[in-house]
Amino acid sequence: MTSDIQHNDCIASLRVRLDKREVSAAEVCDKALCRINDCNDRLNAFSMVFAATARSDAHAVDQMVRAEHPLGALAGVPIAIKDNIDTLPGPCRAGLELFNDHVPARDAAIVNSLRKAGATVLGVTRTDAGAFGVTTPDVINPKSPSRIVGGSSGGSAAAVAAGQCFAAIGTDTGGSIRIPAACCGVFGFKPTLGRISLDGVRPLSDSFDHVGPIANCLDDVIAVMDVIDPDLTQTDDKSLQKPLVLGVPRNWIHDASKEVLENFQAFLRAAKAFGFGVLDLEIPTPAEALPIHIVLSLHEAAQHYSHLSYDALCALPDPLCEGVEVGRAVTPFELENARDKRAALVSRIDAALETVDALAMPTLPIEPPERGSTAAVIGAEVFDLLSALIHYTATFDQTGNPALACPWGQLSCGMPGSIQLVGRRDEDLRLLRLAKELGL
């Protein structure tokens, strides 16, 4: 984008300029489309650009400005949508040839909310096949081309990091908003489970699927949340009585890499300088939580592909095919046992959060991996890449707590570090406001 409309401007400043008629929504849209055109061949963040409907969205805003009608909260703001969320005019493929011809009958509920608020929907962004994965391998990281963008909302995170849009929507079942946010050095927010409608979102695991925003700054995350969650402010506790206390699960972070741990310790020192207390506590470890996640999420994923023949299943990309096969093999005993353990997991996280205002930990236990990586070492143990990258995130898809990935500091590899904050269920705005108190 040119110097008069910077890609790192925030939504609030753009709205002020639109209100003052210093710039039109059509100009903002055209500059976003030009930026996509200039670098999408290199980054590949978008799987489909809806230039005509984007310009139509922007034109509608400009008509309202000329008629002096009140504008929606996101009027003229360029936004991208993950390709597993129904967005007209489509197609929306969820990264699968199986859905190459899927043209939705209508927008998903979240896309409808964004358009009603005046947002300019630019198109849909790439995802791992079936939104099952953590690398989005076809997308290049604009912060470091040698590193993965993370997944499965990798296209959304890359588009935001590259300045192709002001915000993007992703989905999160095991970390798929927060992982790419961490890899691309942007903010990613997983709201409380069930707060945002999943109508029109292609399911992966019904009990754990979340949908939420990715943006370059915290204020923009809040601006988008205020539109897609109309009850956001109604459940807000405005007190934020100080001193605020962060709970640090030391039994989690001991196995983080040296670089990640050093960055996190620097964050805690900064938090104390902002007047926050820090309390060490214990919560169920990833070693306890991840087996529950694997059983429940893959069992549910398998249900969505139960209609496929063996040959059709084998035609799916390997990670998704393997995951579905594992899910099909889950026994009734394993399923019931995992559900019982999940209930206990929720209770233990709830109890921990009664003693602190939020949990704080690194978003990832390791630095963003190199492209082509298939495994990673955490502590002294070797994990496949998916298990490694959901190590600190999947627990909170199981419990449904709101969780925010925030860029903070810099790792020795030159990539931004990322801090994850986790709040009590249905205290989404409080968690976001707490993050602002930390200067994030």
Protein backbone atom coordinates (compact mmCIF):
# COMPACT_ATOMS: atom_id res chain seq x y z
CA MET A 1 0.00 0.00 0.00
CA THR A 2 1.15 3.53 -0.59
CA SER A 3 2.26 5.94 2.10
CA ASP A 4 -1.16 7.57 2.48
CA ILE A 5 -2.76 4.26 3.60
CA GLN A 6 -0.25 2.19 5.52
CA HIS A 7 -0.84 -1.55 5.83
CA ASN A 8 0.03 -1.37 9.53
CA ASP A 9 -2.52 1.33 10.30
CA CYS A 10 -5.04 0.20 12.90
CA ILE A 11 -8.76 -0.14 12.27
CA ALA A 12 -9.61 2.84 14.47
CA SER A 13 -7.31 5.20 12.56
CA LEU A 14 -8.66 3.97 9.23
CA ARG A 15 -12.22 4.56 10.41
CA VAL A 16 -11.36 8.12 11.45
CA ARG A 17 -9.96 8.83 7.99
CA LEU A 18 -13.04 7.35 6.33
CA ASP A 19 -15.34 9.41 8.55
CA LYS A 20 -13.39 12.57 7.65
CA ARG A 21 -13.50 11.58 3.96
CA GLU A 22 -9.74 11.78 3.75
CA VAL A 23 -9.86 8.43 1.98
CA SER A 24 -12.65 6.33 0.47
CA ALA A 25 -13.42 2.69 1.14
CA ALA A 26 -12.94 2.05 -2.58
CA GLU A 27 -9.39 3.44 -2.42
CA VAL A 28 -8.57 1.32 0.62
CA CYS A 29 -9.99 -1.77 -1.10
CA ASP A 30 -8.06 -1.13 -4.31
CA LYS A 31 -4.80 -0.66 -2.44
CA ALA A 32 -5.37 -3.92 -0.54
CA LEU A 33 -6.12 -5.75 -3.78
CA CYS A 34 -3.00 -4.25 -5.37
CA ARG A 35 -0.90 -5.47 -2.46
CA ILE A 36 -2.37 -8.96 -2.78
CA ASN A 37 -1.70 -8.88 -6.52
CA ASP A 38 1.89 -7.73 -5.93
CA CYS A 39 2.89 -10.43 -3.48
CA ASN A 40 0.40 -13.30 -3.53
CA ASP A 41 2.39 -15.12 -6.22
CA ARG A 42 5.26 -15.16 -3.74
CA LEU A 43 3.40 -15.69 -0.45
CA ASN A 44 0.37 -17.66 -1.68
CA ALA A 45 -1.70 -16.60 1.34
CA PHE A 46 -4.98 -16.34 -0.59
CA SER A 47 -6.54 -19.32 -2.31
CA MET A 48 -9.17 -17.10 -3.93
CA VAL A 49 -9.50 -13.32 -4.21
CA PHE A 50 -13.03 -11.97 -4.56
CA ALA A 51 -12.12 -8.67 -6.19
CA ALA A 52 -15.56 -7.89 -7.61
CA THR A 53 -17.50 -8.51 -4.39
CA ALA A 54 -14.80 -6.73 -2.35
CA ARG A 55 -15.20 -3.65 -4.50
CA SER A 56 -18.97 -3.98 -4.13
CA ASP A 57 -18.60 -4.09 -0.34
CA ALA A 58 -16.41 -0.98 -0.43
CA HIS A 59 -18.74 0.83 -2.83
CA ALA A 60 -21.66 0.26 -0.46
CA VAL A 61 -19.69 1.93 2.35
CA ASP A 62 -18.86 4.93 0.17
CA GLN A 63 -22.52 5.30 -0.73
CA MET A 64 -23.40 5.40 2.96
CA VAL A 65 -20.72 8.02 3.58
CA ARG A 66 -22.09 10.22 0.80
CA ALA A 67 -25.61 9.81 2.14
CA GLU A 68 -24.32 10.60 5.66
CA HIS A 69 -25.74 7.36 7.01
CA PRO A 70 -24.21 5.90 10.17
CA LEU A 71 -21.37 3.50 9.38
CA GLY A 72 -20.80 0.05 10.80
CA ALA A 73 -17.94 -0.57 13.19
CA LEU A 74 -15.75 -2.11 10.47
CA ALA A 75 -16.83 0.08 7.57
CA GLY A 76 -14.25 -0.05 4.79
CA VAL A 77 -11.89 -2.37 6.70
CA PRO A 78 -10.25 -5.03 4.44
CA ILE A 79 -10.63 -8.48 5.99
CA ALA A 80 -9.76 -12.01 4.80
CA ILE A 81 -11.56 -15.25 5.65
CA LYS A 82 -10.10 -18.74 6.09
CA ASP A 83 -11.03 -21.08 3.26
CA ASN A 84 -13.06 -23.44 5.46
CA ILE A 85 -15.64 -20.72 6.19
CA ASP A 86 -18.45 -20.21 3.67
CA THR A 87 -17.85 -16.90 1.90
CA LEU A 88 -19.66 -15.74 -1.20
CA PRO A 89 -19.06 -15.98 -4.09
CA GLY A 90 -16.83 -18.99 -3.35
CA PRO A 91 -15.67 -21.58 -4.01
CA CYS A 92 -14.47 -22.41 -0.49
CA ARG A 93 -12.43 -25.61 -0.55
CA ALA A 94 -11.04 -26.12 2.97
CA GLY A 95 -7.78 -27.05 1.24
CA LEU A 96 -9.29 -30.20 -0.27
CA GLU A 97 -9.85 -31.22 -3.90
CA LEU A 98 -12.93 -32.98 -2.55
CA PHE A 99 -14.54 -29.53 -2.18
CA ASN A 100 -13.13 -27.84 -5.28
CA ASP A 101 -16.62 -27.02 -6.49
CA HIS A 102 -18.15 -26.01 -3.17
CA VAL A 103 -19.98 -22.73 -3.76
CA PRO A 104 -21.86 -21.79 -0.59
CA ALA A 105 -25.52 -20.88 -0.76
CA ARG A 106 -24.90 -18.03 1.67
CA ASP A 107 -22.23 -16.48 3.83
CA ALA A 108 -21.32 -18.13 7.12
CA ALA A 109 -22.80 -16.34 10.13
CA ILE A 110 -19.46 -14.75 11.01
CA VAL A 111 -18.95 -13.45 7.46
CA ASN A 112 -22.49 -12.08 7.45
CA SER A 113 -21.74 -10.20 10.70
CA LEU A 114 -18.56 -8.73 9.23
CA ARG A 115 -20.32 -7.57 6.07
CA LYS A 116 -23.19 -6.07 8.07
CA ALA A 117 -20.57 -4.07 9.97
CA GLY A 118 -19.26 -2.73 6.64
CA ALA A 119 -16.12 -4.85 6.31
CA THR A 120 -14.61 -5.34 2.87
CA VAL A 121 -14.19 -9.10 2.44
CA LEU A 122 -11.18 -9.58 0.14
CA GLY A 123 -11.28 -13.33 -0.34
CA VAL A 124 -10.40 -16.63 1.31
CA THR A 125 -7.02 -17.70 2.67
CA ARG A 126 -5.20 -21.01 2.43
CA THR A 127 -5.38 -23.71 5.06
CA ASP A 128 -3.93 -27.15 5.67
CA ALA A 129 -6.03 -29.84 4.01
CA GLY A 130 -9.34 -30.08 5.83
CA ALA A 131 -7.98 -27.58 8.38
CA PHE A 132 -6.04 -30.53 9.80
CA GLY A 133 -2.41 -29.55 10.25
CA VAL A 134 -0.03 -26.97 11.64
CA THR A 135 2.11 -25.87 8.68
CA THR A 136 -0.07 -24.63 5.76
CA PRO A 137 2.79 -25.80 3.52
CA ASP A 138 1.77 -23.88 0.38
CA VAL A 139 2.10 -20.49 2.14
CA ILE A 140 5.38 -18.60 2.62
CA ASN A 141 6.08 -16.78 5.88
CA PRO A 142 6.43 -13.03 5.15
CA LYS A 143 8.58 -12.59 8.28
CA SER A 144 11.03 -15.35 7.36
CA PRO A 145 10.58 -17.40 4.16
CA SER A 146 12.64 -20.27 5.55
CA ARG A 147 10.18 -20.81 8.43
CA ILE A 148 6.68 -22.30 8.38
CA VAL A 149 3.67 -20.00 8.71
CA GLY A 150 1.99 -22.42 11.10
CA GLY A 151 -1.49 -23.77 10.63
CA SER A 152 -4.05 -24.50 9.93
CA SER A 153 -4.98 -20.80 9.64
CA GLY A 154 -1.61 -20.09 8.05
CA GLY A 155 -2.96 -18.15 5.09
CA SER A 156 -4.89 -15.82 7.39
CA ALA A 157 -1.86 -15.13 9.60
CA ALA A 158 0.45 -14.61 6.61
CA ALA A 159 -2.03 -12.23 4.94
CA VAL A 160 -2.17 -10.11 8.10
CA ALA A 161 1.61 -10.19 8.63
CA ALA A 162 2.17 -9.18 4.99
CA GLY A 163 -0.24 -6.24 5.24
CA GLN A 164 -2.64 -7.70 2.70
CA CYS A 165 -5.55 -7.07 5.07
CA PHE A 166 -6.19 -5.36 8.40
CA ALA A 167 -7.51 -8.54 10.02
CA ALA A 168 -8.39 -12.10 9.10
CA ILE A 169 -10.60 -14.85 10.44
CA GLY A 170 -9.26 -18.28 11.35
CA THR A 171 -10.44 -21.42 13.09
CA ASP A 172 -8.88 -23.19 16.05
CA THR A 173 -9.43 -26.81 17.10
CA GLY A 174 -6.01 -27.58 18.58
CA GLY A 175 -4.23 -24.25 18.18
CA SER A 176 -4.89 -23.31 14.56
CA ILE A 177 -5.32 -19.58 15.22
CA ARG A 178 -2.62 -19.21 17.87
CA ILE A 179 0.09 -21.35 16.22
CA PRO A 180 0.19 -19.38 12.92
CA ALA A 181 -0.13 -16.11 14.85
CA ALA A 182 2.99 -17.11 16.78
CA CYS A 183 4.86 -18.19 13.65
CA CYS A 184 4.02 -14.97 11.78
CA GLY A 185 4.47 -12.51 14.66
CA VAL A 186 0.84 -11.31 14.92
CA PHE A 187 -2.03 -11.52 17.41
CA GLY A 188 -4.41 -14.48 17.33
CA PHE A 189 -7.44 -14.89 19.59
CA LYS A 190 -9.42 -18.06 20.31
CA PRO A 191 -12.64 -16.96 22.02
CA THR A 192 -14.51 -18.96 24.64
CA LEU A 193 -15.94 -22.14 23.13
CA GLY A 194 -19.42 -21.50 21.76
CA ARG A 195 -19.41 -17.71 21.89
CA ILE A 196 -19.05 -17.28 18.13
CA SER A 197 -21.45 -19.06 15.77
CA LEU A 198 -19.96 -21.88 13.71
CA ASP A 199 -22.84 -21.79 11.24
CA GLY A 200 -21.25 -22.04 7.80
CA VAL A 201 -17.85 -23.15 9.16
CA ARG A 202 -16.78 -26.55 7.82
CA PRO A 203 -16.47 -28.73 10.94
CA LEU A 204 -13.41 -30.65 11.98
CA SER A 205 -14.29 -31.54 15.56
CA ASP A 206 -17.65 -30.13 16.64
CA SER A 207 -16.96 -30.10 20.38
CA PHE A 208 -13.69 -28.17 20.06
CA ASP A 209 -13.95 -25.99 16.92
CA HIS A 210 -13.57 -22.26 17.53
CA VAL A 211 -13.55 -19.31 15.13
CA GLY A 212 -11.82 -16.00 15.84
CA PRO A 213 -9.67 -13.10 14.62
CA ILE A 214 -6.03 -12.60 13.69
CA ALA A 215 -4.69 -9.03 13.53
CA ASN A 216 -1.56 -6.90 13.78
CA CYS A 217 -2.56 -5.19 17.02
CA LEU A 218 -4.67 -5.89 20.07
CA ASP A 219 -7.08 -3.01 19.43
CA ASP A 220 -7.92 -4.56 16.05
CA VAL A 221 -8.59 -7.94 17.67
CA ILE A 222 -11.00 -6.20 20.04
CA ALA A 223 -12.65 -4.27 17.19
CA VAL A 224 -13.35 -7.48 15.26
CA MET A 225 -14.49 -9.35 18.37
CA ASP A 226 -16.94 -6.56 19.18
CA VAL A 227 -18.63 -7.25 15.83
CA ILE A 228 -18.59 -11.06 15.73
CA ASP A 229 -19.50 -11.44 19.42
CA PRO A 230 -22.43 -9.06 20.08
CA ASP A 231 -22.44 -10.09 23.76
CA LEU A 232 -18.76 -9.27 24.27
CA THR A 233 -19.29 -6.21 26.46
CA GLN A 234 -22.23 -7.67 28.37
CA THR A 235 -20.04 -10.21 30.16
CA ASP A 236 -17.21 -7.77 30.84
CA ASP A 237 -15.93 -7.29 34.36
CA LYS A 238 -14.76 -3.69 34.22
CA SER A 239 -13.08 -3.74 37.61
CA LEU A 240 -9.70 -5.33 36.74
CA GLN A 241 -8.76 -4.80 40.34
CA LYS A 242 -5.03 -4.41 40.79
CA PRO A 243 -2.60 -5.88 41.38
CA LEU A 244 -3.43 -8.29 38.60
CA VAL A 245 -1.80 -11.69 38.90
CA LEU A 246 -0.52 -13.98 36.17
CA GLY A 247 -0.35 -17.69 36.88
CA VAL A 248 2.71 -19.42 35.45
CA PRO A 249 2.46 -23.20 35.06
CA ARG A 250 6.07 -24.09 35.74
CA ASN A 251 5.29 -27.77 35.24
CA TRP A 252 4.45 -26.87 31.62
CA ILE A 253 7.23 -24.59 30.56
CA HIS A 254 10.23 -26.48 31.93
CA ASP A 255 10.60 -28.31 28.60
CA ALA A 256 10.48 -25.19 26.39
CA SER A 257 13.59 -24.49 24.35
CA LYS A 258 16.27 -22.26 25.87
CA GLU A 259 15.43 -19.40 23.46
CA VAL A 260 11.70 -19.60 24.13
CA LEU A 261 12.18 -19.80 27.89
CA GLU A 262 14.57 -16.81 27.95
CA ASN A 263 12.04 -14.75 26.01
CA PHE A 264 9.25 -15.78 28.37
CA GLN A 265 11.30 -14.91 31.45
CA ALA A 266 11.95 -11.47 29.94
CA PHE A 267 8.18 -11.11 29.44
CA LEU A 268 7.57 -11.95 33.11
CA ARG A 269 10.09 -9.30 34.18
CA ALA A 270 8.26 -6.78 32.01
CA ALA A 271 4.91 -7.87 33.48
CA LYS A 272 6.23 -7.23 36.98
CA ALA A 273 7.39 -3.79 35.85
CA PHE A 274 3.77 -3.12 34.76
CA GLY A 275 2.68 -3.95 38.32
CA PHE A 276 1.53 -7.53 37.74
CA GLY A 277 2.03 -10.23 40.29
CA VAL A 278 3.38 -13.60 39.17
CA LEU A 279 2.27 -16.80 40.88
CA ASP A 280 3.77 -20.19 40.13
CA LEU A 281 1.16 -22.93 39.93
CA GLU A 282 0.55 -26.35 38.44
CA ILE A 283 -2.06 -27.37 35.89
CA PRO A 284 -2.52 -30.65 34.00
CA THR A 285 0.50 -31.11 31.76
CA PRO A 286 0.41 -31.53 27.98
CA ALA A 287 1.34 -35.18 28.61
CA GLU A 288 -2.02 -35.54 30.39
CA ALA A 289 -4.10 -33.36 28.07
CA LEU A 290 -2.86 -34.28 24.59
CA PRO A 291 -3.96 -37.95 24.64
CA ILE A 292 -7.47 -36.74 25.55
CA HIS A 293 -7.38 -34.28 22.68
CA ILE A 294 -6.21 -36.89 20.19
CA VAL A 295 -8.95 -39.37 21.08
CA LEU A 296 -11.85 -36.90 21.19
CA SER A 297 -10.94 -34.61 18.31
CA LEU A 298 -9.95 -37.39 15.90
CA HIS A 299 -13.03 -39.43 16.78
CA GLU A 300 -15.20 -36.44 15.87
CA ALA A 301 -13.17 -35.68 12.75
CA ALA A 302 -13.71 -39.26 11.61
CA GLN A 303 -17.48 -38.79 11.87
CA HIS A 304 -17.34 -36.03 9.26
CA TYR A 305 -15.63 -38.35 6.78
CA SER A 306 -17.57 -41.48 7.68
CA HIS A 307 -19.34 -41.42 4.30
CA LEU A 308 -16.08 -41.90 2.40
CA SER A 309 -15.11 -45.29 1.05
CA TYR A 310 -11.67 -46.68 1.88
CA ASP A 311 -10.35 -45.65 -1.53
CA ALA A 312 -11.78 -42.13 -1.17
CA LEU A 313 -10.26 -41.86 2.29
CA CYS A 314 -6.85 -42.92 0.98
CA ALA A 315 -7.12 -40.19 -1.67
CA LEU A 316 -7.13 -37.51 1.04
CA PRO A 317 -3.79 -35.87 1.88
CA ASP A 318 -1.75 -38.07 4.21
CA PRO A 319 -2.08 -36.12 7.50
CA LEU A 320 -5.87 -35.93 7.23
CA CYS A 321 -6.19 -39.55 6.06
CA GLU A 322 -4.04 -40.79 8.94
CA GLY A 323 -5.96 -38.69 11.47
CA VAL A 324 -9.32 -39.98 10.27
CA GLU A 325 -8.06 -43.57 10.37
CA VAL A 326 -6.94 -43.08 13.99
CA GLY A 327 -10.32 -41.56 14.79
CA ARG A 328 -12.19 -44.47 13.23
CA ALA A 329 -10.26 -46.88 15.42
CA VAL A 330 -11.28 -45.23 18.73
CA THR A 331 -13.20 -47.72 20.87
CA PRO A 332 -16.29 -46.87 22.96
CA PHE A 333 -14.25 -47.49 26.12
CA GLU A 334 -11.49 -45.11 24.98
CA LEU A 335 -14.10 -42.51 24.08
CA GLU A 336 -15.87 -42.66 27.44
CA ASN A 337 -12.58 -42.65 29.33
CA ALA A 338 -11.37 -39.58 27.41
CA ARG A 339 -14.64 -37.74 28.09
CA ASP A 340 -14.30 -38.40 31.81
CA LYS A 341 -10.72 -37.18 31.78
CA ARG A 342 -11.74 -34.09 29.84
CA ALA A 343 -14.31 -33.20 32.51
CA ALA A 344 -11.61 -33.53 35.16
CA LEU A 345 -9.25 -31.41 33.03
CA VAL A 346 -11.85 -28.63 32.82
CA SER A 347 -12.34 -28.67 36.60
CA ARG A 348 -8.61 -28.45 37.30
CA ILE A 349 -8.09 -25.54 34.90
CA ASP A 350 -11.11 -23.77 36.43
CA ALA A 351 -9.64 -24.23 39.90
CA ALA A 352 -6.28 -22.81 38.82
CA LEU A 353 -7.94 -19.74 37.27
CA GLU A 354 -9.82 -19.01 40.50
CA THR A 355 -6.49 -18.04 42.06
CA VAL A 356 -5.14 -15.79 39.28
CA ASP A 357 -6.40 -13.34 36.66
CA ALA A 358 -4.92 -15.25 33.71
CA LEU A 359 -2.49 -18.01 32.89
CA ALA A 360 0.68 -17.02 31.02
CA MET A 361 3.03 -19.25 29.04
CA PRO A 362 4.81 -19.34 25.69
CA THR A 363 2.47 -20.02 22.76
CA LEU A 364 4.93 -22.53 21.29
CA PRO A 365 7.54 -24.60 23.15
CA ILE A 366 10.03 -24.12 20.30
CA GLU A 367 10.92 -21.45 17.79
CA PRO A 368 8.94 -21.53 14.51
CA PRO A 369 10.32 -24.57 12.68
CA GLU A 370 12.06 -24.54 9.33
CA ARG A 371 9.96 -25.35 6.28
CA GLY A 372 9.99 -29.05 5.56
CA SER A 373 10.40 -30.06 9.21
CA THR A 374 8.51 -33.18 10.22
CA ALA A 375 9.53 -33.49 13.87
CA ALA A 376 10.75 -31.40 16.78
CA VAL A 377 12.47 -32.00 20.11
CA ILE A 378 10.73 -30.79 23.27
CA GLY A 379 12.81 -31.40 26.34
CA ALA A 380 14.48 -34.71 25.62
CA GLU A 381 11.60 -36.18 23.62
CA VAL A 382 11.07 -36.19 19.85
CA PHE A 383 7.53 -35.34 18.68
CA ASP A 384 5.95 -35.27 15.27
CA LEU A 385 5.50 -31.64 14.25
CA LEU A 386 1.75 -31.51 14.85
CA SER A 387 2.07 -32.86 18.40
CA ALA A 388 4.97 -30.49 19.07
CA LEU A 389 3.20 -27.33 17.95
CA ILE A 390 -0.10 -28.02 19.71
CA HIS A 391 1.83 -28.85 22.90
CA TYR A 392 0.85 -25.61 24.69
CA THR A 393 -2.38 -24.81 22.83
CA ALA A 394 -4.66 -27.87 22.50
CA THR A 395 -5.49 -28.05 26.22
CA PHE A 396 -7.52 -24.85 25.96
CA ASP A 397 -9.53 -26.10 23.00
CA GLN A 398 -10.51 -28.98 25.28
CA THR A 399 -11.45 -26.69 28.17
CA GLY A 400 -12.93 -23.93 25.99
CA ASN A 401 -11.11 -21.07 27.74
CA PRO A 402 -10.37 -17.89 25.79
CA ALA A 403 -6.71 -17.83 24.74
CA LEU A 404 -4.67 -15.06 23.14
CA ALA A 405 -1.35 -15.38 21.31
CA CYS A 406 0.63 -12.13 21.48
CA PRO A 407 3.90 -11.29 19.72
CA TRP A 408 6.50 -10.34 22.31
CA GLY A 409 10.25 -10.00 22.16
CA GLN A 410 12.56 -11.67 19.68
CA LEU A 411 14.07 -15.14 19.59
CA SER A 412 17.71 -15.75 18.81
CA CYS A 413 16.73 -16.96 15.32
CA GLY A 414 15.45 -13.44 14.60
CA MET A 415 11.77 -14.43 14.70
CA PRO A 416 9.29 -12.74 17.05
CA GLY A 417 8.54 -14.55 20.27
CA SER A 418 4.93 -15.24 21.28
CA ILE A 419 3.20 -15.25 24.66
CA GLN A 420 -0.10 -17.04 25.31
CA LEU A 421 -2.57 -15.66 27.85
CA VAL A 422 -5.52 -17.78 28.98
CA GLY A 423 -8.57 -16.44 30.82
CA ARG A 424 -11.71 -17.73 32.48
CA ARG A 425 -14.50 -18.90 30.20
CA ASP A 426 -16.80 -16.11 29.03
CA GLU A 427 -14.40 -13.44 30.29
CA ASP A 428 -13.09 -12.79 26.78
CA LEU A 429 -13.04 -9.01 26.92
CA ARG A 430 -11.51 -9.05 30.37
CA LEU A 431 -8.63 -11.15 29.03
CA LEU A 432 -8.14 -8.76 26.11
CA ARG A 433 -8.21 -5.75 28.44
CA LEU A 434 -5.73 -7.47 30.73
CA ALA A 435 -3.40 -7.91 27.76
CA LYS A 436 -3.64 -4.18 27.11
CA GLU A 437 -2.61 -3.56 30.72
CA LEU A 438 0.53 -5.52 29.89
CA GLY A 439 1.30 -3.14 27.04
CA LEU A 440 0.79 -5.83 24.41
